[in-house]
Every structure is written in C-alpha cells, then in structure tokens.
Amino acid sequence: MPDVGIYHQPKLAHHVRQGVAWLSANGAGENTAALSYAASELRAAVERLAVHYWATLLDRKPEEQDLREIESFKRVKC
C-alpha cells in the first residue's frame, strides 16, 4: 500500500505528496489505477497552486465576480 493519506490536508504541497505516493505504487507502470490516481492528484496540485498564486497576485480578497471568472481552469492558466 502506498503512503497515501486518508484525509486531505490544507497545505499547498498536499496533492504533490499524494501524487508522488501514488507514483511510488505504480509498479513501473503495471498498476494503472495508481497512475490514474497520481495523475489526478498532480492535476489537483497544479490547479490549487495556480489559484493560490492568482489570489496572491490579485492582492486583495477575491470577490464573487473574480471567482466566477476563474471557474474554468483555462481562465487561470492564461
């Protein structure tokens, strides 16, 4: 069993750690489910970091309109 946490943590690195843990359990690509979970966790890490840095660059508390504008990750990555 990989060293995967059973609870989500508030730290920014949480999804990265989860993704790495799932990657360690992939059995050199044999365990495709572990690869899928790793990909999901690493995508969540990228999205979370993007939103975190977007909010930091915004330099103010995000308002409802701001959050509507970034509902799609495509709007954040531009």
N, C-alpha and C. Protein backbone atom coordinates (compact mmCIF):
# COMPACT_ATOMS: atom_id res chain seq x y z
N MET A 1 0.85 -1.19 0.00
CA MET A 1 0.00 0.00 0.00
C MET A 1 0.89 1.24 0.00
N PRO A 2 0.59 2.20 -0.88
CA PRO A 2 1.39 3.43 -0.90
C PRO A 2 1.16 4.26 0.36
N ASP A 3 2.07 5.15 0.61
CA ASP A 3 1.95 6.04 1.77
C ASP A 3 1.01 7.20 1.43
N VAL A 4 -0.23 6.87 1.14
CA VAL A 4 -1.24 7.85 0.76
C VAL A 4 -2.05 8.22 1.99
N GLY A 5 -2.20 9.52 2.22
CA GLY A 5 -3.00 9.97 3.35
C GLY A 5 -4.48 9.69 3.11
N ILE A 6 -5.21 9.49 4.17
CA ILE A 6 -6.65 9.22 4.03
C ILE A 6 -7.49 10.48 4.22
N TYR A 7 -6.85 11.60 4.55
CA TYR A 7 -7.55 12.87 4.71
C TYR A 7 -6.83 13.94 3.89
N HIS A 8 -7.61 14.84 3.31
CA HIS A 8 -6.99 15.98 2.62
C HIS A 8 -6.44 16.94 3.64
N GLN A 9 -5.30 17.51 3.32
CA GLN A 9 -4.63 18.46 4.21
C GLN A 9 -4.68 19.86 3.59
N PRO A 10 -4.66 20.91 4.40
CA PRO A 10 -4.74 22.27 3.86
C PRO A 10 -3.43 22.79 3.26
N LYS A 11 -2.32 22.10 3.47
CA LYS A 11 -1.04 22.59 2.97
C LYS A 11 -0.99 22.52 1.45
N LEU A 12 -0.28 23.48 0.84
CA LEU A 12 -0.18 23.53 -0.61
C LEU A 12 0.46 22.28 -1.20
N ALA A 13 1.39 21.68 -0.50
CA ALA A 13 2.12 20.53 -1.03
C ALA A 13 1.34 19.20 -0.91
N HIS A 14 0.18 19.24 -0.31
CA HIS A 14 -0.58 18.00 -0.05
C HIS A 14 -0.77 17.16 -1.32
N HIS A 15 -1.30 17.75 -2.38
CA HIS A 15 -1.61 16.97 -3.58
C HIS A 15 -0.32 16.49 -4.27
N VAL A 16 0.75 17.27 -4.16
CA VAL A 16 2.03 16.82 -4.72
C VAL A 16 2.49 15.56 -3.98
N ARG A 17 2.43 15.60 -2.65
CA ARG A 17 2.84 14.43 -1.87
C ARG A 17 1.97 13.22 -2.18
N GLN A 18 0.67 13.45 -2.33
CA GLN A 18 -0.23 12.35 -2.66
C GLN A 18 0.11 11.77 -4.04
N GLY A 19 0.36 12.64 -5.00
CA GLY A 19 0.72 12.19 -6.34
C GLY A 19 1.99 11.37 -6.35
N VAL A 20 2.99 11.82 -5.61
CA VAL A 20 4.26 11.09 -5.52
C VAL A 20 4.04 9.73 -4.85
N ALA A 21 3.21 9.70 -3.84
CA ALA A 21 2.93 8.43 -3.16
C ALA A 21 2.27 7.44 -4.12
N TRP A 22 1.30 7.91 -4.91
CA TRP A 22 0.67 7.02 -5.87
C TRP A 22 1.65 6.59 -6.96
N LEU A 23 2.53 7.50 -7.37
CA LEU A 23 3.54 7.12 -8.37
C LEU A 23 4.45 6.02 -7.85
N SER A 24 4.77 6.08 -6.57
CA SER A 24 5.64 5.05 -5.99
C SER A 24 4.97 3.68 -5.97
N ALA A 25 3.66 3.67 -6.09
CA ALA A 25 2.91 2.40 -6.05
C ALA A 25 2.55 1.91 -7.45
N ASN A 26 3.06 2.55 -8.49
CA ASN A 26 2.59 2.18 -9.83
C ASN A 26 3.24 0.93 -10.39
N GLY A 27 4.25 0.38 -9.73
CA GLY A 27 4.87 -0.87 -10.19
C GLY A 27 5.44 -0.75 -11.59
N ALA A 28 6.21 0.32 -11.84
CA ALA A 28 6.82 0.56 -13.16
C ALA A 28 5.77 0.59 -14.27
N GLY A 29 4.61 1.14 -13.94
CA GLY A 29 3.55 1.28 -14.94
C GLY A 29 2.58 0.13 -14.99
N GLU A 30 2.81 -0.88 -14.20
CA GLU A 30 1.93 -2.06 -14.20
C GLU A 30 0.59 -1.78 -13.52
N ASN A 31 0.61 -0.98 -12.48
CA ASN A 31 -0.61 -0.67 -11.73
C ASN A 31 -1.23 0.60 -12.28
N THR A 32 -2.03 0.44 -13.30
CA THR A 32 -2.57 1.61 -13.99
C THR A 32 -3.51 2.43 -13.11
N ALA A 33 -4.17 1.82 -12.16
CA ALA A 33 -5.04 2.59 -11.27
C ALA A 33 -4.20 3.57 -10.45
N ALA A 34 -3.03 3.13 -9.99
CA ALA A 34 -2.16 4.02 -9.22
C ALA A 34 -1.70 5.18 -10.09
N LEU A 35 -1.43 4.93 -11.37
CA LEU A 35 -1.04 6.01 -12.28
C LEU A 35 -2.18 7.00 -12.46
N SER A 36 -3.40 6.49 -12.54
CA SER A 36 -4.57 7.37 -12.68
C SER A 36 -4.74 8.25 -11.44
N TYR A 37 -4.60 7.64 -10.26
CA TYR A 37 -4.71 8.43 -9.03
C TYR A 37 -3.59 9.46 -8.94
N ALA A 38 -2.39 9.08 -9.35
CA ALA A 38 -1.26 10.02 -9.33
C ALA A 38 -1.55 11.20 -10.25
N ALA A 39 -2.03 10.91 -11.45
CA ALA A 39 -2.35 11.98 -12.40
C ALA A 39 -3.41 12.92 -11.84
N SER A 40 -4.42 12.35 -11.22
CA SER A 40 -5.49 13.16 -10.64
C SER A 40 -4.96 14.07 -9.52
N GLU A 41 -4.14 13.51 -8.65
CA GLU A 41 -3.58 14.30 -7.55
C GLU A 41 -2.65 15.39 -8.07
N LEU A 42 -1.84 15.06 -9.07
CA LEU A 42 -0.90 16.07 -9.58
C LEU A 42 -1.63 17.17 -10.34
N ARG A 43 -2.73 16.83 -11.01
CA ARG A 43 -3.53 17.88 -11.65
C ARG A 43 -4.15 18.79 -10.58
N ALA A 44 -4.65 18.19 -9.51
CA ALA A 44 -5.21 18.99 -8.42
C ALA A 44 -4.14 19.91 -7.83
N ALA A 45 -2.90 19.42 -7.76
CA ALA A 45 -1.80 20.25 -7.24
C ALA A 45 -1.56 21.45 -8.13
N VAL A 46 -1.53 21.24 -9.43
CA VAL A 46 -1.31 22.34 -10.38
C VAL A 46 -2.43 23.36 -10.29
N GLU A 47 -3.67 22.88 -10.27
CA GLU A 47 -4.81 23.79 -10.19
C GLU A 47 -4.82 24.57 -8.88
N ARG A 48 -4.53 23.88 -7.80
CA ARG A 48 -4.53 24.56 -6.50
C ARG A 48 -3.44 25.62 -6.42
N LEU A 49 -2.25 25.28 -6.90
CA LEU A 49 -1.16 26.27 -6.91
C LEU A 49 -1.51 27.45 -7.81
N ALA A 50 -2.11 27.19 -8.95
CA ALA A 50 -2.50 28.28 -9.86
C ALA A 50 -3.48 29.23 -9.18
N VAL A 51 -4.47 28.68 -8.52
CA VAL A 51 -5.46 29.53 -7.83
C VAL A 51 -4.81 30.27 -6.66
N HIS A 52 -3.93 29.58 -5.94
CA HIS A 52 -3.25 30.21 -4.81
C HIS A 52 -2.43 31.42 -5.28
N TYR A 53 -1.64 31.23 -6.34
CA TYR A 53 -0.81 32.33 -6.83
C TYR A 53 -1.65 33.41 -7.50
N TRP A 54 -2.74 33.02 -8.15
CA TRP A 54 -3.66 34.02 -8.72
C TRP A 54 -4.21 34.91 -7.61
N ALA A 55 -4.64 34.30 -6.51
CA ALA A 55 -5.18 35.08 -5.40
C ALA A 55 -4.11 35.98 -4.79
N THR A 56 -2.87 35.49 -4.74
CA THR A 56 -1.77 36.30 -4.22
C THR A 56 -1.52 37.50 -5.13
N LEU A 57 -1.51 37.27 -6.42
CA LEU A 57 -1.29 38.36 -7.37
C LEU A 57 -2.44 39.35 -7.40
N LEU A 58 -3.63 38.87 -7.08
CA LEU A 58 -4.80 39.74 -7.04
C LEU A 58 -4.62 40.84 -6.00
N ASP A 59 -3.89 40.52 -4.93
CA ASP A 59 -3.52 41.46 -3.88
C ASP A 59 -4.73 42.06 -3.15
N ARG A 60 -5.79 41.29 -3.10
CA ARG A 60 -6.99 41.67 -2.34
C ARG A 60 -7.82 40.41 -2.16
N LYS A 61 -8.79 40.49 -1.31
CA LYS A 61 -9.67 39.34 -1.11
C LYS A 61 -10.49 39.12 -2.39
N PRO A 62 -10.48 37.89 -2.92
CA PRO A 62 -11.28 37.63 -4.13
C PRO A 62 -12.76 37.87 -3.88
N GLU A 63 -13.40 38.49 -4.86
CA GLU A 63 -14.83 38.76 -4.79
C GLU A 63 -15.58 37.72 -5.62
N GLU A 64 -16.89 37.70 -5.47
CA GLU A 64 -17.71 36.71 -6.16
C GLU A 64 -17.48 36.73 -7.67
N GLN A 65 -17.39 37.91 -8.27
CA GLN A 65 -17.16 38.02 -9.71
C GLN A 65 -15.81 37.42 -10.10
N ASP A 66 -14.80 37.65 -9.28
CA ASP A 66 -13.47 37.07 -9.55
C ASP A 66 -13.56 35.55 -9.61
N LEU A 67 -14.26 34.97 -8.66
CA LEU A 67 -14.38 33.52 -8.60
C LEU A 67 -15.16 32.96 -9.78
N ARG A 68 -16.17 33.70 -10.24
CA ARG A 68 -16.92 33.27 -11.42
C ARG A 68 -16.03 33.27 -12.67
N GLU A 69 -15.15 34.27 -12.74
CA GLU A 69 -14.27 34.39 -13.91
C GLU A 69 -13.27 33.23 -14.00
N ILE A 70 -12.90 32.65 -12.88
CA ILE A 70 -11.92 31.57 -12.91
C ILE A 70 -12.54 30.19 -12.69
N GLU A 71 -13.86 30.07 -12.87
CA GLU A 71 -14.48 28.76 -12.72
C GLU A 71 -13.84 27.73 -13.62
N SER A 72 -13.41 28.15 -14.77
CA SER A 72 -12.70 27.25 -15.68
C SER A 72 -11.20 27.44 -15.49
N PHE A 73 -10.49 26.35 -15.34
CA PHE A 73 -9.04 26.43 -15.14
C PHE A 73 -8.37 27.12 -16.33
N LYS A 74 -8.99 27.05 -17.50
CA LYS A 74 -8.43 27.69 -18.69
C LYS A 74 -8.27 29.20 -18.47
N ARG A 75 -9.14 29.80 -17.69
CA ARG A 75 -9.06 31.23 -17.43
C ARG A 75 -7.89 31.56 -16.50
N VAL A 76 -7.51 30.64 -15.64
CA VAL A 76 -6.43 30.87 -14.69
C VAL A 76 -5.07 30.68 -15.37
N LYS A 77 -4.96 29.73 -16.26
CA LYS A 77 -3.65 29.41 -16.83
C LYS A 77 -3.18 30.39 -17.88
N CYS A 78 -4.02 31.26 -18.35
CA CYS A 78 -3.62 32.22 -19.39
C CYS A 78 -2.69 33.29 -18.89
